[in-house]
Amino acid sequence: MPISDNLSTRSRPLARAFEPACHPKQSFLARAIALLSIWRSRASGRRTIRELTSEQMKALDLDPVALRDEAAKPFWRA
């Protein structure tokens, strides 16, 4: 069973790459808004990671080192 089968439909990745060529006919404004949305999502997700306690990480069986590395990334890096 793929890992994605265990995720709820409401979950979203902590970081996703910006695809500048997602639709070549999109206006500059539409692409800029999409990029800002992605950056906001990354910043929010990384803020949430920083707020996790060690008990929560253990309960979710998450690697604290990997989470610390992800949370330390600036919002513009995927």
PDB file of N, CA and C in Angstrom:
ATOM      1  N   MET A   1       0.850  -1.180   0.000  1.00  0.00           N
ATOM      2  CA  MET A   1       0.000   0.000   0.000  1.00  0.00           C
ATOM      3  C   MET A   1       0.889   1.234   0.000  1.00  0.00           C
ATOM      4  N   PRO A   2       0.653   2.184  -0.899  1.00  0.00           N
ATOM      5  CA  PRO A   2       1.459   3.401  -0.922  1.00  0.00           C
ATOM      6  C   PRO A   2       1.239   4.234   0.327  1.00  0.00           C
ATOM      7  N   ILE A   3       2.215   5.002   0.678  1.00  0.00           N
ATOM      8  CA  ILE A   3       2.130   5.841   1.872  1.00  0.00           C
ATOM      9  C   ILE A   3       0.976   6.820   1.763  1.00  0.00           C
ATOM     10  N   SER A   4       0.711   7.318   0.580  1.00  0.00           N
ATOM     11  CA  SER A   4      -0.339   8.324   0.418  1.00  0.00           C
ATOM     12  C   SER A   4      -1.723   7.785   0.777  1.00  0.00           C
ATOM     13  N   ASP A   5      -1.899   6.460   0.774  1.00  0.00           N
ATOM     14  CA  ASP A   5      -3.192   5.891   1.149  1.00  0.00           C
ATOM     15  C   ASP A   5      -3.499   6.122   2.618  1.00  0.00           C
ATOM     16  N   ASN A   6      -2.465   6.365   3.428  1.00  0.00           N
ATOM     17  CA  ASN A   6      -2.670   6.572   4.854  1.00  0.00           C
ATOM     18  C   ASN A   6      -2.999   8.020   5.191  1.00  0.00           C
ATOM     19  N   LEU A   7      -2.907   8.899   4.234  1.00  0.00           N
ATOM     20  CA  LEU A   7      -3.150  10.310   4.486  1.00  0.00           C
ATOM     21  C   LEU A   7      -4.610  10.651   4.276  1.00  0.00           C
ATOM     22  N   SER A   8      -5.085  11.584   5.063  1.00  0.00           N
ATOM     23  CA  SER A   8      -6.457  12.028   4.870  1.00  0.00           C
ATOM     24  C   SER A   8      -6.525  12.930   3.644  1.00  0.00           C
ATOM     25  N   THR A   9      -7.720  13.150   3.166  1.00  0.00           N
ATOM     26  CA  THR A   9      -7.879  13.992   1.977  1.00  0.00           C
ATOM     27  C   THR A   9      -7.625  15.461   2.307  1.00  0.00           C
ATOM     28  N   ARG A  10      -7.694  15.841   3.579  1.00  0.00           N
ATOM     29  CA  ARG A  10      -7.475  17.223   3.958  1.00  0.00           C
ATOM     30  C   ARG A  10      -6.010  17.544   4.180  1.00  0.00           C
ATOM     31  N   SER A  11      -5.156  16.531   4.285  1.00  0.00           N
ATOM     32  CA  SER A  11      -3.749  16.811   4.536  1.00  0.00           C
ATOM     33  C   SER A  11      -3.099  17.372   3.285  1.00  0.00           C
ATOM     34  N   ARG A  12      -2.053  18.135   3.488  1.00  0.00           N
ATOM     35  CA  ARG A  12      -1.330  18.699   2.360  1.00  0.00           C
ATOM     36  C   ARG A  12       0.153  18.635   2.686  1.00  0.00           C
ATOM     37  N   PRO A  13       0.980  18.628   1.687  1.00  0.00           N
ATOM     38  CA  PRO A  13       2.418  18.529   1.947  1.00  0.00           C
ATOM     39  C   PRO A  13       2.923  19.764   2.671  1.00  0.00           C
ATOM     40  N   LEU A  14       4.006  19.584   3.439  1.00  0.00           N
ATOM     41  CA  LEU A  14       4.583  20.717   4.149  1.00  0.00           C
ATOM     42  C   LEU A  14       5.207  21.715   3.188  1.00  0.00           C
ATOM     43  N   ALA A  15       5.774  21.214   2.144  1.00  0.00           N
ATOM     44  CA  ALA A  15       6.387  22.093   1.159  1.00  0.00           C
ATOM     45  C   ALA A  15       6.160  21.506  -0.215  1.00  0.00           C
ATOM     46  N   ARG A  16       5.868  22.345  -1.150  1.00  0.00           N
ATOM     47  CA  ARG A  16       5.702  21.874  -2.518  1.00  0.00           C
ATOM     48  C   ARG A  16       6.472  22.811  -3.437  1.00  0.00           C
ATOM     49  N   ALA A  17       6.940  22.266  -4.484  1.00  0.00           N
ATOM     50  CA  ALA A  17       7.749  23.044  -5.416  1.00  0.00           C
ATOM     51  C   ALA A  17       6.853  23.944  -6.261  1.00  0.00           C
ATOM     52  N   PHE A  18       7.366  25.105  -6.581  1.00  0.00           N
ATOM     53  CA  PHE A  18       6.650  26.020  -7.456  1.00  0.00           C
ATOM     54  C   PHE A  18       6.932  25.604  -8.888  1.00  0.00           C
ATOM     55  N   GLU A  19       5.904  25.474  -9.671  1.00  0.00           N
ATOM     56  CA  GLU A  19       6.047  25.089 -11.060  1.00  0.00           C
ATOM     57  C   GLU A  19       5.761  26.307 -11.933  1.00  0.00           C
ATOM     58  N   PRO A  20       6.797  27.051 -12.295  1.00  0.00           N
ATOM     59  CA  PRO A  20       6.560  28.286 -13.034  1.00  0.00           C
ATOM     60  C   PRO A  20       5.923  28.075 -14.398  1.00  0.00           C
ATOM     61  N   ALA A  21       6.087  26.901 -14.975  1.00  0.00           N
ATOM     62  CA  ALA A  21       5.515  26.630 -16.293  1.00  0.00           C
ATOM     63  C   ALA A  21       4.221  25.829 -16.168  1.00  0.00           C
ATOM     64  N   CYS A  22       3.505  25.989 -15.055  1.00  0.00           N
ATOM     65  CA  CYS A  22       2.295  25.193 -14.853  1.00  0.00           C
ATOM     66  C   CYS A  22       1.259  25.484 -15.933  1.00  0.00           C
ATOM     67  N   HIS A  23       1.169  26.722 -16.363  1.00  0.00           N
ATOM     68  CA  HIS A  23       0.279  27.061 -17.462  1.00  0.00           C
ATOM     69  C   HIS A  23       0.848  28.292 -18.143  1.00  0.00           C
ATOM     70  N   PRO A  24       1.431  28.123 -19.297  1.00  0.00           N
ATOM     71  CA  PRO A  24       2.143  29.233 -19.933  1.00  0.00           C
ATOM     72  C   PRO A  24       1.275  30.440 -20.272  1.00  0.00           C
ATOM     73  N   LYS A  25      -0.035  30.267 -20.355  1.00  0.00           N
ATOM     74  CA  LYS A  25      -0.898  31.393 -20.719  1.00  0.00           C
ATOM     75  C   LYS A  25      -1.389  32.172 -19.513  1.00  0.00           C
ATOM     76  N   GLN A  26      -1.007  31.739 -18.301  1.00  0.00           N
ATOM     77  CA  GLN A  26      -1.413  32.477 -17.111  1.00  0.00           C
ATOM     78  C   GLN A  26      -0.720  33.833 -17.088  1.00  0.00           C
ATOM     79  N   SER A  27      -1.395  34.807 -16.563  1.00  0.00           N
ATOM     80  CA  SER A  27      -0.815  36.137 -16.468  1.00  0.00           C
ATOM     81  C   SER A  27       0.256  36.163 -15.391  1.00  0.00           C
ATOM     82  N   PHE A  28       1.086  37.175 -15.457  1.00  0.00           N
ATOM     83  CA  PHE A  28       2.120  37.353 -14.441  1.00  0.00           C
ATOM     84  C   PHE A  28       1.489  37.449 -13.061  1.00  0.00           C
ATOM     85  N   LEU A  29       0.390  38.177 -12.955  1.00  0.00           N
ATOM     86  CA  LEU A  29      -0.282  38.353 -11.674  1.00  0.00           C
ATOM     87  C   LEU A  29      -0.765  37.018 -11.115  1.00  0.00           C
ATOM     88  N   ALA A  30      -1.345  36.182 -11.955  1.00  0.00           N
ATOM     89  CA  ALA A  30      -1.837  34.875 -11.501  1.00  0.00           C
ATOM     90  C   ALA A  30      -0.685  34.003 -11.010  1.00  0.00           C
ATOM     91  N   ARG A  31       0.435  34.034 -11.736  1.00  0.00           N
ATOM     92  CA  ARG A  31       1.590  33.241 -11.311  1.00  0.00           C
ATOM     93  C   ARG A  31       2.183  33.790 -10.022  1.00  0.00           C
ATOM     94  N   ALA A  32       2.211  35.117  -9.874  1.00  0.00           N
ATOM     95  CA  ALA A  32       2.734  35.731  -8.655  1.00  0.00           C
ATOM     96  C   ALA A  32       1.853  35.381  -7.458  1.00  0.00           C
ATOM     97  N   ILE A  33       0.551  35.399  -7.639  1.00  0.00           N
ATOM     98  CA  ILE A  33      -0.368  35.036  -6.561  1.00  0.00           C
ATOM     99  C   ILE A  33      -0.184  33.572  -6.178  1.00  0.00           C
ATOM    100  N   ALA A  34      -0.010  32.704  -7.159  1.00  0.00           N
ATOM    101  CA  ALA A  34       0.220  31.286  -6.874  1.00  0.00           C
ATOM    102  C   ALA A  34       1.505  31.096  -6.081  1.00  0.00           C
ATOM    103  N   LEU A  35       2.554  31.797  -6.459  1.00  0.00           N
ATOM    104  CA  LEU A  35       3.821  31.690  -5.752  1.00  0.00           C
ATOM    105  C   LEU A  35       3.691  32.194  -4.316  1.00  0.00           C
ATOM    106  N   LEU A  36       3.028  33.321  -4.126  1.00  0.00           N
ATOM    107  CA  LEU A  36       2.821  33.847  -2.771  1.00  0.00           C
ATOM    108  C   LEU A  36       2.012  32.884  -1.916  1.00  0.00           C
ATOM    109  N   SER A  37       1.044  32.222  -2.523  1.00  0.00           N
ATOM    110  CA  SER A  37       0.239  31.236  -1.809  1.00  0.00           C
ATOM    111  C   SER A  37       1.096  30.053  -1.349  1.00  0.00           C
ATOM    112  N   ILE A  38       1.974  29.602  -2.224  1.00  0.00           N
ATOM    113  CA  ILE A  38       2.867  28.500  -1.871  1.00  0.00           C
ATOM    114  C   ILE A  38       3.798  28.924  -0.750  1.00  0.00           C
ATOM    115  N   TRP A  39       4.367  30.115  -0.841  1.00  0.00           N
ATOM    116  CA  TRP A  39       5.265  30.605   0.200  1.00  0.00           C
ATOM    117  C   TRP A  39       4.549  30.710   1.543  1.00  0.00           C
ATOM    118  N   ARG A  40       3.317  31.194   1.515  1.00  0.00           N
ATOM    119  CA  ARG A  40       2.547  31.323   2.759  1.00  0.00           C
ATOM    120  C   ARG A  40       2.276  29.960   3.371  1.00  0.00           C
ATOM    121  N   SER A  41       1.956  28.989   2.525  1.00  0.00           N
ATOM    122  CA  SER A  41       1.703  27.633   2.997  1.00  0.00           C
ATOM    123  C   SER A  41       2.956  27.026   3.629  1.00  0.00           C
ATOM    124  N   ARG A  42       4.101  27.220   2.983  1.00  0.00           N
ATOM    125  CA  ARG A  42       5.362  26.703   3.536  1.00  0.00           C
ATOM    126  C   ARG A  42       5.670  27.342   4.877  1.00  0.00           C
ATOM    127  N   ALA A  43       5.534  28.657   4.956  1.00  0.00           N
ATOM    128  CA  ALA A  43       5.831  29.354   6.207  1.00  0.00           C
ATOM    129  C   ALA A  43       4.924  28.863   7.329  1.00  0.00           C
ATOM    130  N   SER A  44       3.661  28.678   7.028  1.00  0.00           N
ATOM    131  CA  SER A  44       2.706  28.197   8.025  1.00  0.00           C
ATOM    132  C   SER A  44       3.047  26.773   8.474  1.00  0.00           C
ATOM    133  N   GLY A  45       3.365  25.909   7.518  1.00  0.00           N
ATOM    134  CA  GLY A  45       3.715  24.530   7.861  1.00  0.00           C
ATOM    135  C   GLY A  45       4.970  24.441   8.692  1.00  0.00           C
ATOM    136  N   ARG A  46       5.960  25.240   8.355  1.00  0.00           N
ATOM    137  CA  ARG A  46       7.216  25.217   9.113  1.00  0.00           C
ATOM    138  C   ARG A  46       7.041  25.824  10.498  1.00  0.00           C
ATOM    139  N   ARG A  47       6.160  26.804  10.624  1.00  0.00           N
ATOM    140  CA  ARG A  47       5.845  27.356  11.941  1.00  0.00           C
ATOM    141  C   ARG A  47       5.182  26.287  12.803  1.00  0.00           C
ATOM    142  N   THR A  48       4.287  25.513  12.199  1.00  0.00           N
ATOM    143  CA  THR A  48       3.611  24.433  12.913  1.00  0.00           C
ATOM    144  C   THR A  48       4.615  23.376  13.371  1.00  0.00           C
ATOM    145  N   ILE A  49       5.574  23.049  12.519  1.00  0.00           N
ATOM    146  CA  ILE A  49       6.600  22.072  12.886  1.00  0.00           C
ATOM    147  C   ILE A  49       7.395  22.560  14.093  1.00  0.00           C
ATOM    148  N   ARG A  50       7.758  23.850  14.093  1.00  0.00           N
ATOM    149  CA  ARG A  50       8.533  24.395  15.212  1.00  0.00           C
ATOM    150  C   ARG A  50       7.767  24.326  16.521  1.00  0.00           C
ATOM    151  N   GLU A  51       6.446  24.340  16.457  1.00  0.00           N
ATOM    152  CA  GLU A  51       5.623  24.333  17.668  1.00  0.00           C
ATOM    153  C   GLU A  51       5.378  22.928  18.224  1.00  0.00           C
ATOM    154  N   LEU A  52       5.756  21.887  17.486  1.00  0.00           N
ATOM    155  CA  LEU A  52       5.550  20.521  17.963  1.00  0.00           C
ATOM    156  C   LEU A  52       6.438  20.237  19.166  1.00  0.00           C
ATOM    157  N   THR A  53       5.877  19.563  20.156  1.00  0.00           N
ATOM    158  CA  THR A  53       6.668  19.131  21.304  1.00  0.00           C
ATOM    159  C   THR A  53       7.309  17.787  20.986  1.00  0.00           C
ATOM    160  N   SER A  54       8.291  17.418  21.791  1.00  0.00           N
ATOM    161  CA  SER A  54       8.954  16.129  21.569  1.00  0.00           C
ATOM    162  C   SER A  54       7.973  14.971  21.764  1.00  0.00           C
ATOM    163  N   GLU A  55       7.014  15.124  22.673  1.00  0.00           N
ATOM    164  CA  GLU A  55       6.008  14.083  22.878  1.00  0.00           C
ATOM    165  C   GLU A  55       5.125  13.904  21.651  1.00  0.00           C
ATOM    166  N   GLN A  56       4.758  15.018  21.019  1.00  0.00           N
ATOM    167  CA  GLN A  56       3.944  14.946  19.808  1.00  0.00           C
ATOM    168  C   GLN A  56       4.714  14.276  18.677  1.00  0.00           C
ATOM    169  N   MET A  57       6.000  14.605  18.555  1.00  0.00           N
ATOM    170  CA  MET A  57       6.814  13.977  17.519  1.00  0.00           C
ATOM    171  C   MET A  57       6.919  12.470  17.739  1.00  0.00           C
ATOM    172  N   LYS A  58       7.094  12.072  18.993  1.00  0.00           N
ATOM    173  CA  LYS A  58       7.173  10.641  19.302  1.00  0.00           C
ATOM    174  C   LYS A  58       5.847   9.956  19.003  1.00  0.00           C
ATOM    175  N   ALA A  59       4.741  10.595  19.374  1.00  0.00           N
ATOM    176  CA  ALA A  59       3.421  10.001  19.149  1.00  0.00           C
ATOM    177  C   ALA A  59       3.136   9.837  17.657  1.00  0.00           C
ATOM    178  N   LEU A  60       3.633  10.758  16.852  1.00  0.00           N
ATOM    179  CA  LEU A  60       3.430  10.688  15.407  1.00  0.00           C
ATOM    180  C   LEU A  60       4.527   9.907  14.703  1.00  0.00           C
ATOM    181  N   ASP A  61       5.509   9.436  15.468  1.00  0.00           N
ATOM    182  CA  ASP A  61       6.633   8.663  14.942  1.00  0.00           C
ATOM    183  C   ASP A  61       7.374   9.449  13.858  1.00  0.00           C
ATOM    184  N   LEU A  62       7.708  10.700  14.195  1.00  0.00           N
ATOM    185  CA  LEU A  62       8.417  11.577  13.272  1.00  0.00           C
ATOM    186  C   LEU A  62       9.871  11.734  13.709  1.00  0.00           C
ATOM    187  N   ASP A  63      10.753  11.916  12.756  1.00  0.00           N
ATOM    188  CA  ASP A  63      12.177  12.098  13.027  1.00  0.00           C
ATOM    189  C   ASP A  63      12.437  13.551  13.431  1.00  0.00           C
ATOM    190  N   PRO A  64      12.846  13.794  14.677  1.00  0.00           N
ATOM    191  CA  PRO A  64      13.061  15.173  15.123  1.00  0.00           C
ATOM    192  C   PRO A  64      14.140  15.904  14.334  1.00  0.00           C
ATOM    193  N   VAL A  65      15.173  15.203  13.910  1.00  0.00           N
ATOM    194  CA  VAL A  65      16.250  15.844  13.152  1.00  0.00           C
ATOM    195  C   VAL A  65      15.733  16.318  11.795  1.00  0.00           C
ATOM    196  N   ALA A  66      14.968  15.470  11.118  1.00  0.00           N
ATOM    197  CA  ALA A  66      14.408  15.846   9.823  1.00  0.00           C
ATOM    198  C   ALA A  66      13.431  17.012   9.977  1.00  0.00           C
ATOM    199  N   LEU A  67      12.644  17.003  11.031  1.00  0.00           N
ATOM    200  CA  LEU A  67      11.708  18.104  11.261  1.00  0.00           C
ATOM    201  C   LEU A  67      12.443  19.403  11.555  1.00  0.00           C
ATOM    202  N   ARG A  68      13.498  19.326  12.346  1.00  0.00           N
ATOM    203  CA  ARG A  68      14.274  20.526  12.645  1.00  0.00           C
ATOM    204  C   ARG A  68      14.892  21.104  11.370  1.00  0.00           C
ATOM    205  N   ASP A  69      15.403  20.217  10.514  1.00  0.00           N
ATOM    206  CA  ASP A  69      15.982  20.668   9.249  1.00  0.00           C
ATOM    207  C   ASP A  69      14.925  21.321   8.355  1.00  0.00           C
ATOM    208  N   GLU A  70      13.740  20.729   8.302  1.00  0.00           N
ATOM    209  CA  GLU A  70      12.648  21.297   7.475  1.00  0.00           C
ATOM    210  C   GLU A  70      12.214  22.648   8.033  1.00  0.00           C
ATOM    211  N   ALA A  71      12.076  22.764   9.342  1.00  0.00           N
ATOM    212  CA  ALA A  71      11.624  23.997   9.958  1.00  0.00           C
ATOM    213  C   ALA A  71      12.647  25.122   9.816  1.00  0.00           C
ATOM    214  N   ALA A  72      13.915  24.766   9.653  1.00  0.00           N
ATOM    215  CA  ALA A  72      14.962  25.771   9.534  1.00  0.00           C
ATOM    216  C   ALA A  72      15.066  26.366   8.125  1.00  0.00           C
ATOM    217  N   LYS A  73      14.438  25.737   7.155  1.00  0.00           N
ATOM    218  CA  LYS A  73      14.501  26.241   5.779  1.00  0.00           C
ATOM    219  C   LYS A  73      13.719  27.557   5.656  1.00  0.00           C
ATOM    220  N   PRO A  74      14.202  28.468   4.831  1.00  0.00           N
ATOM    221  CA  PRO A  74      13.412  29.676   4.568  1.00  0.00           C
ATOM    222  C   PRO A  74      12.186  29.317   3.721  1.00  0.00           C
ATOM    223  N   PHE A  75      11.169  30.141   3.761  1.00  0.00           N
ATOM    224  CA  PHE A  75       9.905  29.832   3.096  1.00  0.00           C
ATOM    225  C   PHE A  75      10.034  29.679   1.581  1.00  0.00           C
ATOM    226  N   TRP A  76      11.043  30.283   0.990  1.00  0.00           N
ATOM    227  CA  TRP A  76      11.159  30.226  -0.470  1.00  0.00           C
ATOM    228  C   TRP A  76      11.836  28.955  -0.957  1.00  0.00           C
ATOM    229  N   ARG A  77      12.389  28.126  -0.057  1.00  0.00           N
ATOM    230  CA  ARG A  77      13.020  26.867  -0.475  1.00  0.00           C
ATOM    231  C   ARG A  77      12.051  25.715  -0.315  1.00  0.00           C
ATOM    232  N   ALA A  78      11.982  24.874  -1.325  1.00  0.00           N
ATOM    233  CA  ALA A  78      11.095  23.705  -1.279  1.00  0.00           C
ATOM    234  C   ALA A  78      11.710  22.617  -0.438  1.00  0.00           C
TER     235      ALA A  78
END
